[in-house]
Amino acid sequence: MEDKKEKPTKLKTDKSILSMDEVKGYLGIGNTTLNDWRTKGLKCYRINNRLFYMLEDIKEFMRGFEV
């Protein structure tokens, strides 16, 4: 069976708090990458046993990868 990658989804610009699935879809990454980034300093917030991310925190983290 083929492994299908999800295409990045468009994100409404007014949304500032994202679920794990929204982050993965927005950036086109998987669980492993998101977990790795979290261990490398990407901030997340636990609410009722679910992880959420702030859009500004994601942007700030991504600036560290600029070339």
C-alpha atoms as a PDB file:
ATOM      1  CA  MET A   1       0.000   0.000   0.000  1.00  0.00           C
ATOM      2  CA  GLU A   2       1.308   3.471  -0.872  1.00  0.00           C
ATOM      3  CA  ASP A   3       2.138   5.970   1.829  1.00  0.00           C
ATOM      4  CA  LYS A   4       0.184   9.117   0.983  1.00  0.00           C
ATOM      5  CA  LYS A   5       1.475  12.422   2.327  1.00  0.00           C
ATOM      6  CA  GLU A   6      -1.068  15.007   3.310  1.00  0.00           C
ATOM      7  CA  LYS A   7      -0.912  18.222   1.338  1.00  0.00           C
ATOM      8  CA  PRO A   8      -0.429  21.370   3.416  1.00  0.00           C
ATOM      9  CA  THR A   9      -3.760  23.009   4.136  1.00  0.00           C
ATOM     10  CA  LYS A  10      -4.470  26.702   4.062  1.00  0.00           C
ATOM     11  CA  LEU A  11      -4.878  28.293   7.449  1.00  0.00           C
ATOM     12  CA  LYS A  12      -7.246  31.122   8.241  1.00  0.00           C
ATOM     13  CA  THR A  13      -5.112  34.093   9.188  1.00  0.00           C
ATOM     14  CA  ASP A  14      -7.300  34.945  12.160  1.00  0.00           C
ATOM     15  CA  LYS A  15      -6.549  31.641  13.897  1.00  0.00           C
ATOM     16  CA  SER A  16      -3.779  31.999  16.460  1.00  0.00           C
ATOM     17  CA  ILE A  17      -4.144  28.773  18.487  1.00  0.00           C
ATOM     18  CA  LEU A  18      -3.635  25.542  16.571  1.00  0.00           C
ATOM     19  CA  SER A  19      -4.157  21.890  17.405  1.00  0.00           C
ATOM     20  CA  MET A  20      -1.478  19.316  16.574  1.00  0.00           C
ATOM     21  CA  ASP A  21      -3.388  18.223  13.471  1.00  0.00           C
ATOM     22  CA  GLU A  22      -3.743  21.807  12.264  1.00  0.00           C
ATOM     23  CA  VAL A  23      -0.002  22.430  12.703  1.00  0.00           C
ATOM     24  CA  LYS A  24       0.882  19.235  10.849  1.00  0.00           C
ATOM     25  CA  GLY A  25      -1.506  20.050   8.009  1.00  0.00           C
ATOM     26  CA  TYR A  26      -0.419  23.690   7.794  1.00  0.00           C
ATOM     27  CA  LEU A  27       3.293  22.856   7.627  1.00  0.00           C
ATOM     28  CA  GLY A  28       2.974  19.534   5.791  1.00  0.00           C
ATOM     29  CA  ILE A  29       4.863  17.617   8.493  1.00  0.00           C
ATOM     30  CA  GLY A  30       4.190  14.428  10.425  1.00  0.00           C
ATOM     31  CA  ASN A  31       4.058  13.430  14.080  1.00  0.00           C
ATOM     32  CA  THR A  32       7.754  12.587  14.231  1.00  0.00           C
ATOM     33  CA  THR A  33       8.863  15.994  12.978  1.00  0.00           C
ATOM     34  CA  LEU A  34       6.470  17.872  15.246  1.00  0.00           C
ATOM     35  CA  ASN A  35       7.600  15.853  18.279  1.00  0.00           C
ATOM     36  CA  ASP A  36      11.248  16.442  17.338  1.00  0.00           C
ATOM     37  CA  TRP A  37      10.687  20.195  17.030  1.00  0.00           C
ATOM     38  CA  ARG A  38       8.950  20.236  20.412  1.00  0.00           C
ATOM     39  CA  THR A  39      12.003  18.608  22.026  1.00  0.00           C
ATOM     40  CA  LYS A  40      14.159  21.224  20.272  1.00  0.00           C
ATOM     41  CA  GLY A  41      12.231  24.121  21.770  1.00  0.00           C
ATOM     42  CA  LEU A  42       8.934  24.625  19.937  1.00  0.00           C
ATOM     43  CA  LYS A  43       6.554  25.865  22.623  1.00  0.00           C
ATOM     44  CA  CYS A  44       3.299  24.029  23.185  1.00  0.00           C
ATOM     45  CA  TYR A  45       0.485  24.294  25.681  1.00  0.00           C
ATOM     46  CA  ARG A  46      -1.315  21.360  27.311  1.00  0.00           C
ATOM     47  CA  ILE A  47      -5.010  21.885  27.859  1.00  0.00           C
ATOM     48  CA  ASN A  48      -7.127  18.944  29.035  1.00  0.00           C
ATOM     49  CA  ASN A  49      -4.473  16.435  27.880  1.00  0.00           C
ATOM     50  CA  ARG A  50      -4.321  17.955  24.381  1.00  0.00           C
ATOM     51  CA  LEU A  51      -1.392  19.907  22.944  1.00  0.00           C
ATOM     52  CA  PHE A  52      -1.906  23.254  21.273  1.00  0.00           C
ATOM     53  CA  TYR A  53       0.485  25.644  19.569  1.00  0.00           C
ATOM     54  CA  MET A  54       0.447  29.402  19.152  1.00  0.00           C
ATOM     55  CA  LEU A  55       0.952  30.592  15.575  1.00  0.00           C
ATOM     56  CA  GLU A  56       3.429  33.250  16.746  1.00  0.00           C
ATOM     57  CA  ASP A  57       5.495  30.592  18.583  1.00  0.00           C
ATOM     58  CA  ILE A  58       5.635  28.503  15.399  1.00  0.00           C
ATOM     59  CA  LYS A  59       6.752  31.504  13.343  1.00  0.00           C
ATOM     60  CA  GLU A  60       9.437  32.385  15.885  1.00  0.00           C
ATOM     61  CA  PHE A  61      10.706  28.786  15.968  1.00  0.00           C
ATOM     62  CA  MET A  62      10.802  28.658  12.159  1.00  0.00           C
ATOM     63  CA  ARG A  63      12.917  31.840  12.025  1.00  0.00           C
ATOM     64  CA  GLY A  64      15.701  29.765  13.565  1.00  0.00           C
ATOM     65  CA  PHE A  65      15.837  27.751  10.320  1.00  0.00           C
ATOM     66  CA  GLU A  66      16.291  30.723   7.987  1.00  0.00           C
ATOM     67  CA  VAL A  67      19.089  30.354   5.450  1.00  0.00           C
END
